[in-house]
């Protein structure tokens, strides 16, 4: 199982990524082993996840969300957000 996820960063931006374990990935971002984006913007919390059966489908969704505006991501999070339990 794979997840497309969104992190909220300290500057209010959103980071979109893919992982088989989003919580572990958040820890890696916070330890400076994430992307250059999160290294520069300090992720605050995991705010959205979506489960996918394959890495390919998770990457496809990631690429789609990366093209969305900040406002569209915020709308998605507002509509779909629920506390992270390890599964979307």
N, C-alpha and C. Protein backbone atom coordinates (compact mmCIF):
# COMPACT_ATOMS: atom_id res chain seq x y z
N UNK A 1 0.84 -1.18 0.00
CA UNK A 1 0.00 0.00 0.00
C UNK A 1 0.89 1.25 0.00
N UNK A 2 0.48 2.25 -0.74
CA UNK A 2 1.22 3.51 -0.83
C UNK A 2 0.27 4.66 -0.54
N UNK A 3 0.86 5.78 -0.16
CA UNK A 3 0.08 6.95 0.21
C UNK A 3 0.59 8.18 -0.51
N UNK A 4 -0.32 8.99 -0.97
CA UNK A 4 -0.03 10.35 -1.38
C UNK A 4 -0.34 11.17 -0.13
N UNK A 5 0.54 12.10 0.22
CA UNK A 5 0.33 12.86 1.45
C UNK A 5 0.62 14.34 1.24
N UNK A 6 0.08 15.15 2.14
CA UNK A 6 0.36 16.58 2.14
C UNK A 6 0.82 16.98 3.53
N UNK A 7 1.94 17.71 3.56
CA UNK A 7 2.46 18.30 4.79
C UNK A 7 2.19 19.79 4.78
N UNK A 8 1.89 20.33 5.93
CA UNK A 8 1.81 21.78 6.08
C UNK A 8 3.16 22.26 6.59
N UNK A 9 3.72 23.26 5.94
CA UNK A 9 5.03 23.79 6.32
C UNK A 9 4.89 25.08 7.12
N UNK A 10 5.97 25.46 7.80
CA UNK A 10 5.96 26.62 8.70
C UNK A 10 5.58 27.91 7.98
N UNK A 11 5.90 28.02 6.71
CA UNK A 11 5.56 29.24 5.97
C UNK A 11 4.15 29.21 5.39
N UNK A 12 3.37 28.17 5.72
CA UNK A 12 1.99 28.06 5.24
C UNK A 12 1.86 27.33 3.92
N UNK A 13 2.98 26.94 3.33
CA UNK A 13 2.93 26.20 2.07
C UNK A 13 2.59 24.74 2.34
N UNK A 14 2.26 24.03 1.27
CA UNK A 14 1.96 22.61 1.35
C UNK A 14 2.99 21.84 0.54
N UNK A 15 3.42 20.73 1.08
CA UNK A 15 4.32 19.83 0.37
C UNK A 15 3.56 18.55 0.07
N UNK A 16 3.61 18.12 -1.18
CA UNK A 16 2.94 16.89 -1.61
C UNK A 16 4.00 15.83 -1.87
N UNK A 17 3.79 14.64 -1.33
CA UNK A 17 4.74 13.55 -1.52
C UNK A 17 4.06 12.21 -1.57
N UNK A 18 4.88 11.16 -1.72
CA UNK A 18 4.42 9.77 -1.78
C UNK A 18 5.31 8.94 -0.87
N UNK A 19 4.70 7.99 -0.17
CA UNK A 19 5.46 7.10 0.69
C UNK A 19 4.63 5.85 1.01
N UNK A 20 5.32 4.78 1.40
CA UNK A 20 4.60 3.62 1.91
C UNK A 20 4.34 3.78 3.40
N UNK A 21 4.96 4.78 4.03
CA UNK A 21 4.79 5.07 5.46
C UNK A 21 4.88 6.59 5.66
N UNK A 22 3.77 7.32 5.53
CA UNK A 22 3.82 8.78 5.62
C UNK A 22 4.39 9.30 6.93
N UNK A 23 4.08 8.66 8.04
CA UNK A 23 4.58 9.17 9.32
C UNK A 23 6.11 9.07 9.40
N UNK A 24 6.66 7.96 8.92
CA UNK A 24 8.11 7.82 8.88
C UNK A 24 8.71 8.88 7.96
N UNK A 25 8.05 9.13 6.86
CA UNK A 25 8.55 10.13 5.91
C UNK A 25 8.55 11.52 6.51
N UNK A 26 7.53 11.84 7.30
CA UNK A 26 7.48 13.13 7.99
C UNK A 26 8.69 13.26 8.92
N UNK A 27 8.98 12.20 9.64
CA UNK A 27 10.15 12.21 10.54
C UNK A 27 11.43 12.45 9.75
N UNK A 28 11.55 11.83 8.59
CA UNK A 28 12.72 12.04 7.74
C UNK A 28 12.80 13.49 7.28
N UNK A 29 11.68 14.07 6.88
CA UNK A 29 11.66 15.48 6.48
C UNK A 29 12.13 16.35 7.65
N UNK A 30 11.65 16.06 8.85
CA UNK A 30 12.01 16.86 10.02
C UNK A 30 13.46 16.67 10.44
N UNK A 31 14.08 15.57 10.03
CA UNK A 31 15.49 15.32 10.33
C UNK A 31 16.41 15.85 9.23
N UNK A 32 15.81 16.51 8.24
CA UNK A 32 16.60 17.06 7.15
C UNK A 32 16.93 16.06 6.05
N UNK A 33 16.29 14.89 6.07
CA UNK A 33 16.52 13.88 5.05
C UNK A 33 15.36 13.82 4.07
N UNK A 34 14.63 14.90 3.96
CA UNK A 34 13.50 14.97 3.03
C UNK A 34 13.93 15.70 1.77
N UNK A 35 13.05 16.48 1.25
CA UNK A 35 13.33 17.23 0.03
C UNK A 35 13.96 18.59 0.35
N UNK A 36 14.49 19.22 -0.67
CA UNK A 36 15.00 20.59 -0.50
C UNK A 36 13.88 21.54 -0.09
N UNK A 37 12.67 21.28 -0.61
CA UNK A 37 11.51 22.11 -0.30
C UNK A 37 11.25 22.12 1.21
N UNK A 38 11.18 20.94 1.81
CA UNK A 38 10.89 20.88 3.25
C UNK A 38 12.08 21.32 4.08
N UNK A 39 13.29 21.14 3.59
CA UNK A 39 14.46 21.62 4.32
C UNK A 39 14.42 23.14 4.46
N UNK A 40 13.91 23.81 3.44
CA UNK A 40 13.84 25.27 3.46
C UNK A 40 12.59 25.81 4.16
N UNK A 41 11.57 24.97 4.32
CA UNK A 41 10.28 25.47 4.83
C UNK A 41 9.81 24.81 6.12
N UNK A 42 10.55 23.90 6.67
CA UNK A 42 10.25 23.22 7.93
C UNK A 42 8.82 22.70 8.02
N UNK A 43 8.61 21.43 7.74
CA UNK A 43 7.25 20.87 7.84
C UNK A 43 6.76 20.87 9.28
N UNK A 44 5.50 21.22 9.46
CA UNK A 44 4.90 21.24 10.79
C UNK A 44 4.13 19.97 11.10
N UNK A 45 3.31 19.55 10.13
CA UNK A 45 2.49 18.36 10.41
C UNK A 45 1.95 17.74 9.13
N UNK A 46 1.64 16.46 9.26
CA UNK A 46 0.97 15.71 8.21
C UNK A 46 -0.51 16.08 8.29
N UNK A 47 -1.06 16.61 7.20
CA UNK A 47 -2.44 17.08 7.27
C UNK A 47 -3.40 16.34 6.36
N UNK A 48 -2.88 15.47 5.48
CA UNK A 48 -3.78 14.77 4.57
C UNK A 48 -3.07 13.55 4.01
N UNK A 49 -3.76 12.44 3.91
CA UNK A 49 -3.24 11.24 3.25
C UNK A 49 -4.34 10.62 2.39
N UNK A 50 -3.90 9.92 1.36
CA UNK A 50 -4.81 9.20 0.49
C UNK A 50 -4.13 7.89 0.12
N UNK A 51 -4.80 6.79 0.36
CA UNK A 51 -4.26 5.46 0.12
C UNK A 51 -4.38 5.06 -1.35
N UNK A 52 -3.33 4.39 -1.85
CA UNK A 52 -3.31 3.91 -3.24
C UNK A 52 -2.78 2.48 -3.28
N UNK A 53 -3.30 1.65 -4.18
CA UNK A 53 -2.86 0.26 -4.23
C UNK A 53 -1.47 0.06 -4.84
N UNK A 54 -1.02 1.02 -5.66
CA UNK A 54 0.28 0.89 -6.31
C UNK A 54 1.07 2.19 -6.21
N UNK A 55 2.39 2.06 -6.31
CA UNK A 55 3.23 3.25 -6.33
C UNK A 55 2.90 4.12 -7.53
N UNK A 56 2.62 3.50 -8.65
CA UNK A 56 2.31 4.25 -9.87
C UNK A 56 1.06 5.12 -9.68
N UNK A 57 0.03 4.59 -9.06
CA UNK A 57 -1.19 5.39 -8.86
C UNK A 57 -0.96 6.50 -7.84
N UNK A 58 -0.13 6.23 -6.83
CA UNK A 58 0.18 7.28 -5.84
C UNK A 58 1.00 8.39 -6.50
N UNK A 59 1.96 8.04 -7.34
CA UNK A 59 2.77 9.04 -8.05
C UNK A 59 1.91 9.87 -9.02
N UNK A 60 0.98 9.21 -9.66
CA UNK A 60 0.08 9.93 -10.58
C UNK A 60 -0.72 10.99 -9.82
N UNK A 61 -1.24 10.61 -8.65
CA UNK A 61 -2.00 11.55 -7.83
C UNK A 61 -1.08 12.66 -7.31
N UNK A 62 0.14 12.30 -6.89
CA UNK A 62 1.10 13.30 -6.43
C UNK A 62 1.34 14.35 -7.51
N UNK A 63 1.60 13.90 -8.72
CA UNK A 63 1.86 14.82 -9.83
C UNK A 63 0.66 15.71 -10.11
N UNK A 64 -0.54 15.15 -9.99
CA UNK A 64 -1.76 15.94 -10.18
C UNK A 64 -1.84 17.03 -9.11
N UNK A 65 -1.66 16.65 -7.85
CA UNK A 65 -1.78 17.61 -6.76
C UNK A 65 -0.70 18.68 -6.79
N UNK A 66 0.48 18.34 -7.25
CA UNK A 66 1.57 19.33 -7.33
C UNK A 66 1.24 20.45 -8.32
N UNK A 67 0.37 20.16 -9.27
CA UNK A 67 -0.04 21.19 -10.24
C UNK A 67 -1.17 22.06 -9.71
N UNK A 68 -1.81 21.64 -8.63
CA UNK A 68 -2.93 22.41 -8.07
C UNK A 68 -2.42 23.67 -7.37
N UNK A 69 -3.27 24.67 -7.33
CA UNK A 69 -2.95 25.90 -6.60
C UNK A 69 -3.03 25.63 -5.09
N UNK A 70 -2.45 26.55 -4.34
CA UNK A 70 -2.52 26.47 -2.88
C UNK A 70 -3.98 26.45 -2.43
N UNK A 71 -4.81 27.27 -3.04
CA UNK A 71 -6.23 27.36 -2.67
C UNK A 71 -6.95 26.03 -2.92
N UNK A 72 -6.65 25.38 -4.03
CA UNK A 72 -7.29 24.09 -4.32
C UNK A 72 -6.85 23.01 -3.34
N UNK A 73 -5.56 23.03 -2.96
CA UNK A 73 -5.08 22.08 -1.96
C UNK A 73 -5.76 22.33 -0.62
N UNK A 74 -5.90 23.59 -0.25
CA UNK A 74 -6.57 23.94 1.01
C UNK A 74 -8.02 23.46 1.00
N UNK A 75 -8.68 23.60 -0.12
CA UNK A 75 -10.06 23.14 -0.23
C UNK A 75 -10.14 21.62 -0.07
N UNK A 76 -9.23 20.90 -0.71
CA UNK A 76 -9.17 19.45 -0.58
C UNK A 76 -8.97 19.05 0.88
N UNK A 77 -8.05 19.69 1.54
CA UNK A 77 -7.75 19.38 2.93
C UNK A 77 -8.95 19.70 3.83
N UNK A 78 -9.58 20.81 3.58
CA UNK A 78 -10.75 21.20 4.38
C UNK A 78 -11.90 20.23 4.24
N UNK A 79 -12.05 19.69 3.05
CA UNK A 79 -13.15 18.77 2.79
C UNK A 79 -12.82 17.37 3.27
N UNK A 80 -11.57 16.95 3.07
CA UNK A 80 -11.20 15.55 3.32
C UNK A 80 -10.40 15.33 4.60
N UNK A 81 -9.98 16.39 5.26
CA UNK A 81 -9.06 16.25 6.39
C UNK A 81 -9.70 15.54 7.57
N UNK A 82 -8.98 14.58 8.09
CA UNK A 82 -9.34 13.93 9.35
C UNK A 82 -8.02 13.54 10.01
N UNK A 83 -8.00 13.36 11.31
CA UNK A 83 -6.74 13.05 11.97
C UNK A 83 -6.08 11.81 11.36
N UNK A 84 -4.77 11.86 11.23
CA UNK A 84 -4.03 10.77 10.61
C UNK A 84 -3.96 9.58 11.56
N UNK A 85 -4.35 8.43 11.07
CA UNK A 85 -4.33 7.22 11.88
C UNK A 85 -3.42 6.15 11.33
N UNK A 86 -2.59 6.53 10.35
CA UNK A 86 -1.74 5.54 9.70
C UNK A 86 -2.36 5.01 8.43
N UNK A 87 -3.62 5.22 8.26
CA UNK A 87 -4.35 4.83 7.05
C UNK A 87 -5.24 5.99 6.64
N UNK A 88 -5.40 6.17 5.35
CA UNK A 88 -6.29 7.25 4.88
C UNK A 88 -7.73 6.82 5.00
